[in-house]
C-alpha atoms as a PDB file:
ATOM      1  CA  MET A   1     -17.289 -32.892   5.948  1.00  0.00           C
ATOM      2  CA  GLN A   2     -20.759 -34.120   5.035  1.00  0.00           C
ATOM      3  CA  PRO A   3     -23.682 -31.819   5.960  1.00  0.00           C
ATOM      4  CA  LEU A   4     -25.184 -34.379   8.350  1.00  0.00           C
ATOM      5  CA  THR A   5     -21.945 -35.253  10.144  1.00  0.00           C
ATOM      6  CA  GLY A   6     -22.588 -35.272  13.873  1.00  0.00           C
ATOM      7  CA  LYS A   7     -26.279 -34.376  13.557  1.00  0.00           C
ATOM      8  CA  VAL A   8     -28.631 -36.243  15.892  1.00  0.00           C
ATOM      9  CA  ILE A   9     -31.484 -37.708  13.844  1.00  0.00           C
ATOM     10  CA  LEU A  10     -34.278 -39.836  15.280  1.00  0.00           C
ATOM     11  CA  VAL A  11     -35.914 -42.255  12.839  1.00  0.00           C
ATOM     12  CA  THR A  12     -39.192 -43.801  13.976  1.00  0.00           C
ATOM     13  CA  GLY A  13     -39.984 -47.307  12.783  1.00  0.00           C
ATOM     14  CA  ALA A  14     -36.322 -47.764  11.894  1.00  0.00           C
ATOM     15  CA  ALA A  15     -36.092 -51.522  12.386  1.00  0.00           C
ATOM     16  CA  ARG A  16     -37.395 -52.641   9.013  1.00  0.00           C
ATOM     17  CA  ARG A  17     -38.152 -51.723   5.430  1.00  0.00           C
ATOM     18  CA  VAL A  18     -38.019 -48.011   4.489  1.00  0.00           C
ATOM     19  CA  GLY A  19     -37.168 -46.906   8.029  1.00  0.00           C
ATOM     20  CA  ARG A  20     -34.179 -49.239   8.131  1.00  0.00           C
ATOM     21  CA  GLY A  21     -33.020 -47.978   4.748  1.00  0.00           C
ATOM     22  CA  ILE A  22     -33.264 -44.374   5.920  1.00  0.00           C
ATOM     23  CA  ALA A  23     -31.353 -45.122   9.126  1.00  0.00           C
ATOM     24  CA  LEU A  24     -28.566 -46.898   7.240  1.00  0.00           C
ATOM     25  CA  ARG A  25     -28.273 -44.033   4.785  1.00  0.00           C
ATOM     26  CA  LEU A  26     -28.169 -41.382   7.515  1.00  0.00           C
ATOM     27  CA  HIS A  27     -25.411 -43.335   9.249  1.00  0.00           C
ATOM     28  CA  ARG A  28     -23.423 -43.386   6.000  1.00  0.00           C
ATOM     29  CA  GLU A  29     -23.958 -39.633   5.757  1.00  0.00           C
ATOM     30  CA  GLY A  30     -22.311 -39.194   9.147  1.00  0.00           C
ATOM     31  CA  ALA A  31     -25.400 -38.615  11.299  1.00  0.00           C
ATOM     32  CA  ARG A  32     -25.737 -39.868  14.862  1.00  0.00           C
ATOM     33  CA  VAL A  33     -28.834 -42.011  14.399  1.00  0.00           C
ATOM     34  CA  ALA A  34     -31.386 -42.828  17.102  1.00  0.00           C
ATOM     35  CA  ILE A  35     -33.180 -46.073  16.211  1.00  0.00           C
ATOM     36  CA  HIS A  36     -36.811 -46.261  17.318  1.00  0.00           C
ATOM     37  CA  TYR A  37     -38.783 -49.498  17.231  1.00  0.00           C
ATOM     38  CA  SER A  38     -41.954 -50.852  18.773  1.00  0.00           C
ATOM     39  CA  SER A  39     -42.021 -54.656  18.520  1.00  0.00           C
ATOM     40  CA  SER A  40     -39.327 -55.621  15.988  1.00  0.00           C
ATOM     41  CA  GLU A  41     -36.476 -55.816  18.486  1.00  0.00           C
ATOM     42  CA  THR A  42     -34.405 -58.399  16.609  1.00  0.00           C
ATOM     43  CA  GLU A  43     -34.511 -56.374  13.395  1.00  0.00           C
ATOM     44  CA  ALA A  44     -33.851 -53.170  15.337  1.00  0.00           C
ATOM     45  CA  ARG A  45     -30.708 -54.639  16.834  1.00  0.00           C
ATOM     46  CA  GLU A  46     -29.529 -55.662  13.377  1.00  0.00           C
ATOM     47  CA  THR A  47     -30.141 -52.147  12.074  1.00  0.00           C
ATOM     48  CA  SER A  48     -28.347 -50.700  15.094  1.00  0.00           C
ATOM     49  CA  ALA A  49     -25.314 -52.898  14.480  1.00  0.00           C
ATOM     50  CA  GLU A  50     -25.128 -51.728  10.865  1.00  0.00           C
ATOM     51  CA  CYS A  51     -25.379 -48.122  12.070  1.00  0.00           C
ATOM     52  CA  GLY A  52     -22.287 -48.367  14.248  1.00  0.00           C
ATOM     53  CA  ASN A  53     -24.208 -49.694  17.260  1.00  0.00           C
ATOM     54  CA  ALA A  54     -26.582 -46.750  17.240  1.00  0.00           C
ATOM     55  CA  PRO A  55     -28.692 -46.542  20.405  1.00  0.00           C
ATOM     56  CA  LEU A  56     -32.105 -48.201  20.443  1.00  0.00           C
ATOM     57  CA  PHE A  57     -35.263 -46.638  21.830  1.00  0.00           C
ATOM     58  CA  ARG A  58     -38.456 -48.651  22.243  1.00  0.00           C
ATOM     59  CA  ALA A  59     -41.882 -47.004  22.320  1.00  0.00           C
ATOM     60  CA  ASN A  60     -45.420 -47.883  21.332  1.00  0.00           C
ATOM     61  CA  LEU A  61     -46.363 -44.726  19.440  1.00  0.00           C
ATOM     62  CA  VAL A  62     -50.078 -45.401  19.966  1.00  0.00           C
ATOM     63  CA  HIS A  63     -49.607 -43.933  23.445  1.00  0.00           C
ATOM     64  CA  VAL A  64     -48.712 -40.252  23.680  1.00  0.00           C
ATOM     65  CA  GLU A  65     -47.008 -40.767  27.036  1.00  0.00           C
ATOM     66  CA  GLU A  66     -44.626 -43.226  25.380  1.00  0.00           C
ATOM     67  CA  ILE A  67     -43.899 -40.695  22.628  1.00  0.00           C
ATOM     68  CA  GLU A  68     -43.052 -38.131  25.307  1.00  0.00           C
ATOM     69  CA  GLN A  69     -40.806 -40.653  27.045  1.00  0.00           C
ATOM     70  CA  LEU A  70     -39.129 -41.561  23.742  1.00  0.00           C
ATOM     71  CA  PHE A  71     -38.133 -37.976  23.059  1.00  0.00           C
ATOM     72  CA  SER A  72     -36.984 -37.464  26.635  1.00  0.00           C
ATOM     73  CA  GLU A  73     -34.762 -40.543  26.365  1.00  0.00           C
ATOM     74  CA  VAL A  74     -33.290 -39.495  23.020  1.00  0.00           C
ATOM     75  CA  GLU A  75     -32.611 -35.989  24.303  1.00  0.00           C
ATOM     76  CA  GLY A  76     -31.144 -37.393  27.505  1.00  0.00           C
ATOM     77  CA  HIS A  77     -28.812 -39.664  25.569  1.00  0.00           C
ATOM     78  CA  PHE A  78     -27.577 -37.171  22.974  1.00  0.00           C
ATOM     79  CA  GLY A  79     -28.215 -33.847  24.712  1.00  0.00           C
ATOM     80  CA  HIS A  80     -30.308 -32.479  21.854  1.00  0.00           C
ATOM     81  CA  ILE A  81     -32.167 -33.477  18.669  1.00  0.00           C
ATOM     82  CA  ASP A  82     -31.354 -31.957  15.275  1.00  0.00           C
ATOM     83  CA  GLY A  83     -33.815 -33.856  13.103  1.00  0.00           C
ATOM     84  CA  VAL A  84     -36.675 -36.338  13.147  1.00  0.00           C
ATOM     85  CA  VAL A  85     -37.877 -38.657  10.399  1.00  0.00           C
ATOM     86  CA  ASN A  86     -41.442 -39.763  11.144  1.00  0.00           C
ATOM     87  CA  ASN A  87     -41.496 -43.051   9.282  1.00  0.00           C
ATOM     88  CA  ALA A  88     -43.460 -45.399  11.577  1.00  0.00           C
ATOM     89  CA  ALA A  89     -46.752 -46.404   9.952  1.00  0.00           C
ATOM     90  CA  ARG A  90     -49.353 -49.124   9.561  1.00  0.00           C
ATOM     91  CA  PHE A  91     -51.012 -50.412   6.405  1.00  0.00           C
ATOM     92  CA  THR A  92     -54.089 -52.610   5.953  1.00  0.00           C
ATOM     93  CA  ARG A  93     -56.426 -53.386   3.068  1.00  0.00           C
ATOM     94  CA  ILE A  94     -60.134 -53.467   3.889  1.00  0.00           C
ATOM     95  CA  ASP A  95     -63.361 -52.896   1.963  1.00  0.00           C
ATOM     96  CA  PRO A  96     -64.631 -49.497   3.207  1.00  0.00           C
ATOM     97  CA  LEU A  97     -68.040 -51.044   3.902  1.00  0.00           C
ATOM     98  CA  LYS A  98     -66.369 -53.398   6.370  1.00  0.00           C
ATOM     99  CA  ILE A  99     -64.056 -50.962   8.172  1.00  0.00           C
ATOM    100  CA  THR A 100     -64.756 -50.894  11.911  1.00  0.00           C
ATOM    101  CA  GLU A 101     -63.889 -48.223  14.443  1.00  0.00           C
ATOM    102  CA  ALA A 102     -61.032 -50.448  15.599  1.00  0.00           C
ATOM    103  CA  ASP A 103     -59.737 -50.757  12.022  1.00  0.00           C
ATOM    104  CA  TRP A 104     -59.850 -46.975  11.607  1.00  0.00           C
ATOM    105  CA  ASP A 105     -58.109 -46.316  14.923  1.00  0.00           C
ATOM    106  CA  PHE A 106     -55.450 -48.981  14.247  1.00  0.00           C
ATOM    107  CA  ILE A 107     -54.290 -46.989  11.215  1.00  0.00           C
ATOM    108  CA  HIS A 108     -54.829 -43.426  12.404  1.00  0.00           C
ATOM    109  CA  ASP A 109     -53.352 -43.936  15.872  1.00  0.00           C
ATOM    110  CA  VAL A 110     -49.900 -44.407  14.341  1.00  0.00           C
ATOM    111  CA  ASN A 111     -50.046 -42.875  10.866  1.00  0.00           C
ATOM    112  CA  LEU A 112     -51.564 -39.542  11.840  1.00  0.00           C
ATOM    113  CA  LYS A 113     -51.927 -39.120  15.606  1.00  0.00           C
ATOM    114  CA  ALA A 114     -48.447 -40.384  16.434  1.00  0.00           C
ATOM    115  CA  THR A 115     -46.918 -38.365  13.609  1.00  0.00           C
ATOM    116  CA  PHE A 116     -48.437 -35.206  15.045  1.00  0.00           C
ATOM    117  CA  PHE A 117     -47.292 -35.833  18.604  1.00  0.00           C
ATOM    118  CA  CYS A 118     -43.796 -36.800  17.425  1.00  0.00           C
ATOM    119  CA  CYS A 119     -43.672 -33.490  15.530  1.00  0.00           C
ATOM    120  CA  GLN A 120     -44.876 -31.691  18.649  1.00  0.00           C
ATOM    121  CA  GLN A 121     -42.280 -33.272  20.914  1.00  0.00           C
ATOM    122  CA  ALA A 122     -39.526 -32.657  18.373  1.00  0.00           C
ATOM    123  CA  ALA A 123     -40.491 -29.014  17.911  1.00  0.00           C
ATOM    124  CA  LYS A 124     -40.553 -28.282  21.628  1.00  0.00           C
ATOM    125  CA  ARG A 125     -36.946 -29.409  21.894  1.00  0.00           C
ATOM    126  CA  MET A 126     -35.758 -27.900  18.625  1.00  0.00           C
ATOM    127  CA  LEU A 127     -37.241 -24.492  19.417  1.00  0.00           C
ATOM    128  CA  ALA A 128     -35.301 -24.503  22.682  1.00  0.00           C
ATOM    129  CA  THR A 129     -32.002 -25.230  20.921  1.00  0.00           C
ATOM    130  CA  GLY A 130     -32.198 -23.030  17.833  1.00  0.00           C
ATOM    131  CA  GLY A 131     -34.157 -25.092  15.335  1.00  0.00           C
ATOM    132  CA  GLY A 132     -34.096 -28.319  13.356  1.00  0.00           C
ATOM    133  CA  ARG A 133     -35.614 -30.387  10.578  1.00  0.00           C
ATOM    134  CA  ILE A 134     -38.662 -32.655  10.507  1.00  0.00           C
ATOM    135  CA  VAL A 135     -39.355 -35.037   7.628  1.00  0.00           C
ATOM    136  CA  ASN A 136     -42.652 -36.942   7.554  1.00  0.00           C
ATOM    137  CA  ILE A 137     -43.038 -40.049   5.423  1.00  0.00           C
ATOM    138  CA  SER A 138     -46.310 -39.733   3.555  1.00  0.00           C
ATOM    139  CA  SER A 139     -47.470 -42.062   0.751  1.00  0.00           C
ATOM    140  CA  MET A 140     -48.873 -42.337  -2.735  1.00  0.00           C
ATOM    141  CA  GLY A 141     -52.079 -42.959  -0.789  1.00  0.00           C
ATOM    142  CA  ALA A 142     -52.061 -39.260   0.058  1.00  0.00           C
ATOM    143  CA  ILE A 143     -52.079 -38.422  -3.663  1.00  0.00           C
ATOM    144  CA  ARG A 144     -53.935 -41.263  -5.383  1.00  0.00           C
ATOM    145  CA  ALA A 145     -57.226 -42.743  -4.165  1.00  0.00           C
ATOM    146  CA  TRP A 146     -57.189 -46.491  -3.441  1.00  0.00           C
ATOM    147  CA  ALA A 147     -60.676 -47.924  -2.984  1.00  0.00           C
ATOM    148  CA  GLU A 148     -59.768 -50.644  -0.475  1.00  0.00           C
ATOM    149  CA  HIS A 149     -57.445 -48.396   1.507  1.00  0.00           C
ATOM    150  CA  ALA A 150     -59.758 -45.470   2.281  1.00  0.00           C
ATOM    151  CA  HIS A 151     -58.729 -45.381   5.949  1.00  0.00           C
ATOM    152  CA  TYR A 152     -55.033 -45.495   5.047  1.00  0.00           C
ATOM    153  CA  CYS A 153     -55.382 -42.860   2.311  1.00  0.00           C
ATOM    154  CA  ALA A 154     -57.168 -40.563   4.738  1.00  0.00           C
ATOM    155  CA  SER A 155     -54.390 -40.953   7.297  1.00  0.00           C
ATOM    156  CA  LYS A 156     -51.627 -40.178   4.817  1.00  0.00           C
ATOM    157  CA  ALA A 157     -53.528 -37.264   3.277  1.00  0.00           C
ATOM    158  CA  GLY A 158     -53.704 -36.009   6.845  1.00  0.00           C
ATOM    159  CA  VAL A 159     -49.924 -36.284   7.112  1.00  0.00           C
ATOM    160  CA  ALA A 160     -49.537 -34.201   3.957  1.00  0.00           C
ATOM    161  CA  MET A 161     -51.739 -31.398   5.308  1.00  0.00           C
ATOM    162  CA  LEU A 162     -50.242 -31.696   8.784  1.00  0.00           C
ATOM    163  CA  THR A 163     -46.845 -31.114   7.194  1.00  0.00           C
ATOM    164  CA  ARG A 164     -48.057 -27.902   5.599  1.00  0.00           C
ATOM    165  CA  ALA A 165     -49.741 -26.634   8.758  1.00  0.00           C
ATOM    166  CA  LEU A 166     -46.786 -27.363  11.018  1.00  0.00           C
ATOM    167  CA  ALA A 167     -44.360 -25.810   8.552  1.00  0.00           C
ATOM    168  CA  GLN A 168     -46.210 -22.565   9.183  1.00  0.00           C
ATOM    169  CA  ALA A 169     -46.566 -23.131  12.919  1.00  0.00           C
ATOM    170  CA  PHE A 170     -42.898 -23.997  13.527  1.00  0.00           C
ATOM    171  CA  ALA A 171     -41.350 -21.413  11.188  1.00  0.00           C
ATOM    172  CA  PRO A 172     -38.876 -19.835  10.922  1.00  0.00           C
ATOM    173  CA  SER A 173     -36.442 -22.088  12.801  1.00  0.00           C
ATOM    174  CA  ILE A 174     -37.868 -25.530  11.987  1.00  0.00           C
ATOM    175  CA  SER A 175     -38.542 -26.834   8.494  1.00  0.00           C
ATOM    176  CA  VAL A 176     -41.236 -29.484   8.047  1.00  0.00           C
ATOM    177  CA  ASN A 177     -41.457 -31.450   4.791  1.00  0.00           C
ATOM    178  CA  ALA A 178     -42.773 -34.795   3.583  1.00  0.00           C
ATOM    179  CA  VAL A 179     -41.701 -37.613   1.285  1.00  0.00           C
ATOM    180  CA  ALA A 180     -44.335 -39.716  -0.499  1.00  0.00           C
ATOM    181  CA  PRO A 181     -42.855 -43.076  -1.569  1.00  0.00           C
ATOM    182  CA  GLY A 182     -44.093 -44.917  -4.614  1.00  0.00           C
ATOM    183  CA  VAL A 183     -43.936 -48.716  -4.959  1.00  0.00           C
ATOM    184  CA  ILE A 184     -41.265 -50.070  -2.590  1.00  0.00           C
ATOM    185  CA  PRO A 185     -42.074 -53.800  -2.387  1.00  0.00           C
ATOM    186  CA  PHE A 186     -39.190 -55.315  -0.323  1.00  0.00           C
ATOM    187  CA  GLY A 187     -39.395 -58.635  -2.122  1.00  0.00           C
ATOM    188  CA  GLU A 188     -43.114 -59.313  -1.779  1.00  0.00           C
ATOM    189  CA  GLN A 189     -45.119 -59.295  -4.993  1.00  0.00           C
ATOM    190  CA  ASP A 190     -48.830 -59.556  -5.578  1.00  0.00           C
ATOM    191  CA  GLU A 191     -51.195 -58.516  -8.351  1.00  0.00           C
ATOM    192  CA  ARG A 192     -51.728 -55.054  -6.857  1.00  0.00           C
ATOM    193  CA  ILE A 193     -47.985 -54.315  -6.707  1.00  0.00           C
ATOM    194  CA  ALA A 194     -47.501 -55.669 -10.223  1.00  0.00           C
ATOM    195  CA  ARG A 195     -50.265 -53.388 -11.517  1.00  0.00           C
ATOM    196  CA  LEU A 196     -48.745 -50.357  -9.809  1.00  0.00           C
ATOM    197  CA  ILE A 197     -45.314 -51.107 -11.246  1.00  0.00           C
ATOM    198  CA  GLU A 198     -46.863 -51.438 -14.695  1.00  0.00           C
ATOM    199  CA  LYS A 199     -48.507 -48.030 -14.251  1.00  0.00           C
ATOM    200  CA  THR A 200     -45.239 -46.450 -13.087  1.00  0.00           C
ATOM    201  CA  PRO A 201     -43.695 -44.547 -16.011  1.00  0.00           C
ATOM    202  CA  ILE A 202     -40.171 -45.660 -15.109  1.00  0.00           C
ATOM    203  CA  LYS A 203     -41.443 -49.285 -15.187  1.00  0.00           C
ATOM    204  CA  ARG A 204     -39.841 -50.522 -11.986  1.00  0.00           C
ATOM    205  CA  ALA A 205     -40.251 -50.412  -8.228  1.00  0.00           C
ATOM    206  CA  GLY A 206     -38.254 -48.054  -6.078  1.00  0.00           C
ATOM    207  CA  THR A 207     -35.783 -48.742  -3.288  1.00  0.00           C
ATOM    208  CA  ALA A 208     -35.453 -47.595   0.305  1.00  0.00           C
ATOM    209  CA  ASP A 209     -32.246 -45.778  -0.593  1.00  0.00           C
ATOM    210  CA  GLU A 210     -34.122 -43.747  -3.191  1.00  0.00           C
ATOM    211  CA  ILE A 211     -36.556 -42.673  -0.486  1.00  0.00           C
ATOM    212  CA  ALA A 212     -33.569 -41.849   1.688  1.00  0.00           C
ATOM    213  CA  ASP A 213     -32.262 -39.582  -1.103  1.00  0.00           C
ATOM    214  CA  ALA A 214     -35.259 -37.314  -0.588  1.00  0.00           C
ATOM    215  CA  VAL A 215     -35.019 -37.516   3.206  1.00  0.00           C
ATOM    216  CA  VAL A 216     -31.375 -36.455   3.111  1.00  0.00           C
ATOM    217  CA  PHE A 217     -32.303 -33.600   0.767  1.00  0.00           C
ATOM    218  CA  PHE A 218     -34.883 -32.221   3.180  1.00  0.00           C
ATOM    219  CA  LEU A 219     -32.562 -32.678   6.174  1.00  0.00           C
ATOM    220  CA  THR A 220     -29.803 -30.697   4.488  1.00  0.00           C
ATOM    221  CA  ALA A 221     -31.622 -28.235   2.219  1.00  0.00           C
ATOM    222  CA  SER A 222     -32.143 -24.557   2.926  1.00  0.00           C
ATOM    223  CA  GLU A 223     -34.749 -23.787   5.581  1.00  0.00           C
ATOM    224  CA  PHE A 224     -36.404 -21.749   2.820  1.00  0.00           C
ATOM    225  CA  ILE A 225     -37.764 -25.107   1.606  1.00  0.00           C
ATOM    226  CA  THR A 226     -40.585 -25.996   3.989  1.00  0.00           C
ATOM    227  CA  GLY A 227     -44.154 -27.243   3.855  1.00  0.00           C
ATOM    228  CA  GLN A 228     -43.387 -29.314   0.771  1.00  0.00           C
ATOM    229  CA  GLN A 229     -44.148 -32.894  -0.218  1.00  0.00           C
ATOM    230  CA  ILE A 230     -42.028 -34.660  -2.818  1.00  0.00           C
ATOM    231  CA  ALA A 231     -43.206 -37.870  -4.486  1.00  0.00           C
ATOM    232  CA  VAL A 232     -40.440 -40.424  -4.997  1.00  0.00           C
ATOM    233  CA  ASP A 233     -42.454 -42.699  -7.215  1.00  0.00           C
ATOM    234  CA  GLY A 234     -40.997 -43.064 -10.703  1.00  0.00           C
ATOM    235  CA  GLY A 235     -43.684 -40.726 -11.994  1.00  0.00           C
ATOM    236  CA  LEU A 236     -46.646 -42.775 -10.743  1.00  0.00           C
ATOM    237  CA  SER A 237     -48.395 -39.773  -9.208  1.00  0.00           C
ATOM    238  CA  GLN A 238     -48.421 -38.102 -12.617  1.00  0.00           C
ATOM    239  CA  ARG A 239     -50.613 -40.810 -14.147  1.00  0.00           C
END
């Protein structure tokens, strides 16, 4: 039997891209996957179908009350929650001199604020049922500075430190770790992505399934591993 067989794992932002890849992988590993989405309903239904018709849960993570409702619905459906993968995120490219309050909030409301409140809601339920695992999806932007992504880098650096703080706060029964993906382009290519691939020691982009490798590791590893961030980036963070 696989270690994740029968485990209830909620993946936020699971309709597309990395989140979809993680959900598909967890399904293959035997987990009972809860598919969260916000606006990509068509893609979410496709992901659900490929995950054995996994249940769908819609929530706009900008609003804490919707996060609370999301976790209540997942718990109501499955009876408990064993793990959460906080993948939902936003990404924009703006000259720091032109960033507005709205631009800042657009990124931080989901990337950092929602990640915290999802961790909080998960922990409240996990502590009541004996523990669990939380995996936050961070970014190379938490490790490397990108001039036109200052707001995004700040949000993901916040996720990295949040992971460390909550690992202490939720110990010993809940592990909290993070995965920082490298270049995962999903077909789109521009000069920035090409430059990053060229700087990547392994000389190629990564895949969603390679990110899922690290997620599965943290979901199944010893609880003695907590408060850690692993870069899945082909060595880019070492440059």
